[in-house]
Protein backbone atom coordinates (compact mmCIF):
# COMPACT_ATOMS: atom_id res chain seq x y z
CA UNK A 1 110.74 110.65 165.25
CA UNK A 2 112.08 108.53 162.52
CA UNK A 3 109.25 106.30 163.11
CA UNK A 4 106.37 108.90 162.68
CA UNK A 5 108.05 109.95 159.22
CA UNK A 6 107.94 106.50 158.26
CA UNK A 7 104.25 105.74 159.18
CA UNK A 8 103.99 109.41 157.39
CA UNK A 9 105.34 107.98 153.97
CA UNK A 10 103.49 104.84 153.80
CA UNK A 11 100.02 106.32 154.20
CA UNK A 12 100.72 108.77 151.31
CA UNK A 13 102.37 106.36 148.92
CA UNK A 14 98.92 105.06 147.99
CA UNK A 15 98.11 108.20 147.15
CA UNK A 16 100.53 108.84 144.90
CA UNK A 17 100.05 105.65 143.32
CA UNK A 18 96.03 105.49 142.79
CA UNK A 19 96.22 105.84 138.82
CA UNK A 20 97.62 103.24 136.57
CA UNK A 21 97.40 102.37 133.15
CA UNK A 22 95.92 99.66 131.34
CA UNK A 23 96.75 99.57 127.89
CA UNK A 24 97.25 97.55 124.59
CA UNK A 25 97.94 97.90 120.94
CA UNK A 26 95.92 96.84 117.55
CA UNK A 27 98.91 94.61 116.57
CA UNK A 28 102.81 94.36 117.71
CA UNK A 29 104.04 93.36 114.62
CA UNK A 30 104.77 95.00 111.01
CA UNK A 31 105.96 93.35 108.30
CA UNK A 32 107.39 95.70 105.68
CA UNK A 33 106.96 93.61 102.51
CA UNK A 34 107.35 94.74 98.34
CA UNK A 35 103.88 96.34 98.26
CA UNK A 36 104.55 98.08 101.95
CA UNK A 37 102.91 101.17 102.05
CA UNK A 38 102.70 102.06 105.57
CA UNK A 39 100.95 101.01 108.82
CA UNK A 40 98.15 102.47 111.03
CA UNK A 41 98.64 101.68 114.78
CA UNK A 42 95.82 101.69 117.27
CA UNK A 43 96.89 102.56 120.41
CA UNK A 44 93.92 102.48 123.42
CA UNK A 45 94.22 102.05 126.96
CA UNK A 46 92.10 102.76 130.03
CA UNK A 47 92.95 104.34 133.74
CA UNK A 48 93.06 102.18 136.42
CA UNK A 49 91.94 103.87 139.81
CA UNK A 50 91.91 101.82 143.08
CA UNK A 51 90.16 105.28 144.58
CA UNK A 52 88.41 108.00 143.01
CA UNK A 53 89.54 110.01 141.06
CA UNK A 54 92.15 112.64 142.93
CA UNK A 55 91.13 116.52 142.87
CA UNK A 56 93.38 118.82 140.98
CA UNK A 57 93.88 119.98 137.57
CA UNK A 58 92.68 117.50 134.78
CA UNK A 59 93.82 113.96 133.29
CA UNK A 60 95.81 114.93 130.60
CA UNK A 61 97.45 111.70 128.24
CA UNK A 62 100.77 111.86 126.23
CA UNK A 63 101.53 109.05 123.61
CA UNK A 64 104.83 108.87 121.68
CA UNK A 65 106.38 105.96 119.35
CA UNK A 66 110.13 106.03 118.68
CA UNK A 67 111.80 104.12 115.74
CA UNK A 68 115.30 102.73 116.16
CA UNK A 69 118.17 105.04 117.35
CA UNK A 70 121.76 105.58 114.92
CA UNK A 71 123.96 108.41 114.69
CA UNK A 72 123.83 110.89 112.02
CA UNK A 73 126.08 113.32 110.34
CA UNK A 74 124.23 116.97 109.74
CA UNK A 75 126.19 118.53 107.15
CA UNK A 76 125.83 122.35 106.13
CA UNK A 77 126.39 123.72 102.87
CA UNK A 78 128.09 127.10 101.43
CA UNK A 79 128.95 128.61 98.00
CA UNK A 80 132.48 128.48 97.26
CA UNK A 81 133.22 129.97 93.90
CA UNK A 82 129.80 129.53 92.61
CA UNK A 83 129.73 126.13 94.06
CA UNK A 84 127.62 124.67 96.72
CA UNK A 85 130.11 122.46 98.96
CA UNK A 86 129.74 121.29 102.62
CA UNK A 87 131.83 123.56 104.99
CA UNK A 88 131.07 122.29 108.34
CA UNK A 89 129.52 118.95 109.90
CA UNK A 90 128.43 117.36 112.91
CA UNK A 91 127.60 114.38 114.29
CA UNK A 92 124.60 113.78 116.31
CA UNK A 93 125.23 110.61 118.65
CA UNK A 94 121.67 109.38 118.61
CA UNK A 95 118.34 110.20 116.35
CA UNK A 96 115.57 108.22 116.59
CA UNK A 97 114.50 107.16 112.63
CA UNK A 98 110.63 107.72 113.73
CA UNK A 99 109.02 109.66 116.66
CA UNK A 100 105.76 111.19 116.77
CA UNK A 101 104.15 112.44 120.24
CA UNK A 102 100.48 112.73 120.55
CA UNK A 103 98.94 114.67 123.52
CA UNK A 104 95.41 115.53 124.65
CA UNK A 105 96.56 118.94 124.45
CA UNK A 106 98.90 121.45 123.43
CA UNK A 107 101.87 120.15 124.51
CA UNK A 108 103.52 123.83 126.91
CA UNK A 109 99.83 123.55 128.84
CA UNK A 110 100.04 120.06 130.13
CA UNK A 111 103.63 119.22 130.10
CA UNK A 112 105.99 120.96 132.39
CA UNK A 113 110.18 121.22 131.65
CA UNK A 114 111.25 119.32 134.53
CA UNK A 115 108.86 116.59 133.83
CA UNK A 116 110.00 116.94 129.93
CA UNK A 117 113.62 116.68 131.07
CA UNK A 118 113.36 114.08 133.32
CA UNK A 119 111.37 111.31 130.94
CA UNK A 120 112.39 112.52 127.86
CA UNK A 121 109.14 113.29 126.19
CA UNK A 122 109.38 115.38 123.37
CA UNK A 123 112.18 114.96 120.41
CA UNK A 124 114.17 117.73 121.36
CA UNK A 125 114.84 115.90 124.64
CA UNK A 126 115.63 112.31 122.70
CA UNK A 127 118.10 113.42 120.55
CA UNK A 128 121.82 112.85 121.91
CA UNK A 129 123.79 115.01 120.87
CA UNK A 130 126.58 115.43 123.18
CA UNK A 131 129.97 117.70 122.65
CA UNK A 132 128.34 119.07 119.17
CA UNK A 133 129.27 122.75 120.28
CA UNK A 134 133.30 121.91 119.29
CA UNK A 135 132.57 120.67 116.27
CA UNK A 136 131.19 123.72 114.43
CA UNK A 137 130.09 127.20 115.32
CA UNK A 138 126.42 127.66 116.19
CA UNK A 139 125.77 123.60 116.79
CA UNK A 140 122.10 124.36 117.70
CA UNK A 141 121.43 125.09 114.10
CA UNK A 142 122.58 121.82 113.43
CA UNK A 143 120.10 120.09 115.36
CA UNK A 144 117.32 122.37 113.71
CA UNK A 145 117.90 121.81 110.57
CA UNK A 146 117.67 117.66 111.38
CA UNK A 147 114.48 118.19 113.08
CA UNK A 148 112.99 120.39 109.86
CA UNK A 149 114.59 117.81 107.49
CA UNK A 150 112.76 114.76 108.81
CA UNK A 151 109.63 116.90 109.88
CA UNK A 152 109.42 117.65 106.24
CA UNK A 153 109.92 113.84 105.74
CA UNK A 154 107.35 113.30 107.91
CA UNK A 155 109.53 111.27 110.57
CA UNK A 156 109.16 113.31 112.99
CA UNK A 157 105.00 114.43 114.64
CA UNK A 158 103.73 116.70 116.74
CA UNK A 159 100.08 114.97 117.14
CA UNK A 160 98.61 117.80 119.63
CA UNK A 161 95.02 117.20 120.85
CA UNK A 162 94.73 113.55 118.95
CA UNK A 163 94.32 111.79 121.52
CA UNK A 164 91.10 110.67 122.75
CA UNK A 165 89.90 110.78 126.53
CA UNK A 166 86.65 109.71 127.62
CA UNK A 167 85.34 110.56 130.68
CA UNK A 168 89.13 110.78 132.27
CA UNK A 169 89.35 106.52 132.09
CA UNK A 170 89.62 105.69 128.39
CA UNK A 171 91.91 107.12 125.48
CA UNK A 172 93.28 106.30 122.48
CA UNK A 173 95.53 107.31 119.23
CA UNK A 174 96.07 106.53 116.22
CA UNK A 175 99.52 106.68 114.82
CA UNK A 176 100.25 106.02 111.66
CA UNK A 177 103.99 105.00 110.42
CA UNK A 178 105.30 105.73 107.05
CA UNK A 179 106.36 103.76 104.64
CA UNK A 180 110.16 104.12 104.69
CA UNK A 181 110.43 102.20 108.07
CA UNK A 182 113.65 101.66 109.28
CA UNK A 183 113.62 97.88 110.96
CA UNK A 184 113.83 97.60 114.16
CA UNK A 185 112.15 97.43 117.78
CA UNK A 186 109.78 100.62 118.12
CA UNK A 187 109.25 101.93 121.81
CA UNK A 188 105.45 103.06 122.82
CA UNK A 189 105.59 105.25 125.69
CA UNK A 190 102.38 106.36 127.96
CA UNK A 191 101.98 108.71 130.43
CA UNK A 192 99.44 110.28 132.38
CA UNK A 193 99.65 113.83 134.05
CA UNK A 194 97.91 116.06 136.06
CA UNK A 195 99.24 119.77 136.80
CA UNK A 196 102.02 119.32 134.17
CA UNK A 197 103.46 116.26 136.55
CA UNK A 198 103.60 112.58 135.28
CA UNK A 199 101.90 110.52 137.27
CA UNK A 200 102.07 107.00 135.68
CA UNK A 201 103.89 105.70 132.69
CA UNK A 202 104.04 102.29 130.80
CA UNK A 203 105.99 101.26 128.20
CA UNK A 204 105.33 98.55 125.03
CA UNK A 205 106.78 97.48 121.98
CA UNK A 206 106.46 96.71 118.45
CA UNK A 207 108.16 94.70 116.28
CA UNK A 208 108.99 95.90 112.33
CA UNK A 209 110.89 93.27 110.34
CA UNK A 210 111.07 92.89 106.27
CA UNK A 211 109.85 89.64 104.99
CA UNK A 212 109.39 87.90 101.64
CA UNK A 213 111.27 89.38 98.92
CA UNK A 214 112.23 92.53 100.89
CA UNK A 215 113.77 90.35 103.76
CA UNK A 216 115.66 88.09 100.86
CA UNK A 217 117.25 90.90 99.51
CA UNK A 218 118.40 92.85 102.74
CA UNK A 219 119.97 89.57 103.75
CA UNK A 220 121.49 89.50 100.33
CA UNK A 221 122.92 93.01 100.19
CA UNK A 222 124.31 92.45 104.06
CA UNK A 223 125.72 89.09 103.69
CA UNK A 224 126.59 88.73 100.02
CA UNK A 225 127.40 91.64 98.93
CA UNK A 226 129.53 90.30 95.91
CA UNK A 227 126.56 88.49 95.08
CA UNK A 228 123.96 91.04 95.75
CA UNK A 229 125.77 93.44 92.79
CA UNK A 230 125.99 90.97 90.36
CA UNK A 231 122.57 90.26 90.55
CA UNK A 232 121.63 94.09 90.41
CA UNK A 233 123.84 94.41 87.15
CA UNK A 234 121.95 91.38 85.66
CA UNK A 235 118.84 92.91 86.32
CA UNK A 236 119.62 96.28 85.03
CA UNK A 237 121.01 94.55 81.97
CA UNK A 238 117.96 92.90 80.97
CA UNK A 239 116.18 95.78 81.95
CA UNK A 240 117.94 97.83 79.45
CA UNK A 241 117.81 95.16 77.10
CA UNK A 242 113.68 94.73 77.22
CA UNK A 243 113.03 98.51 77.09
CA UNK A 244 115.04 98.60 73.64
CA UNK A 245 113.33 95.72 72.63
CA UNK A 246 110.56 97.62 73.21
CA UNK A 247 111.37 100.90 71.66
CA UNK A 248 112.33 98.94 68.56
CA UNK A 249 108.64 97.24 68.14
CA UNK A 250 107.05 100.30 68.73
CA UNK A 251 109.03 102.09 65.74
CA UNK A 252 108.34 99.25 63.53
């Protein structure tokens, strides 16, 4: 009986793994310089098949781009004695600095809740907020506020229908990275789906790093904070003196 089951598994295994991803990026490194105003990343690929495409639902593609994650404190303000003050706060254990989800179709039509939970595809599944229910009442509102604020800042994006799929084989997606990027490794994940199930996935990385003057200032602020503060004061004094001199020339 065991031999029969093993034989059946060996027969079924190729059918489950017959579609894989071959992908590439227009660039795998982004340099943040003094005049950096964002960057556009082209994510492209193809579906590799050992056998003809299986019968069933249409092929769908989801692409996610995730920036470095850090803890985030979310505060709620209330009016006390006519003054707006912070009343409650929760600490979100980990939230991406940037997150974009691009799809071939409406997310609710191509991805099941079970697969979303398993692969953590949507931004709500990526954010980790363990134990916040004990920190404040209606803690879910803090997560919604975080999503709302970062969506307005264009750091969290849902790009439904923005993945182009040609003849169930070739696909591409253009994702614009904002100017206010956080330095670090950006994770690109690609998913193939049929019948709301993930049948193949792949992960790639994009390195984001400050360069030139931005790198010098960044390193100076972290490694020599006293010198950084003195230089900042000197630059502010020079700027103030220059503005005053220009004002006197204009009046003269």
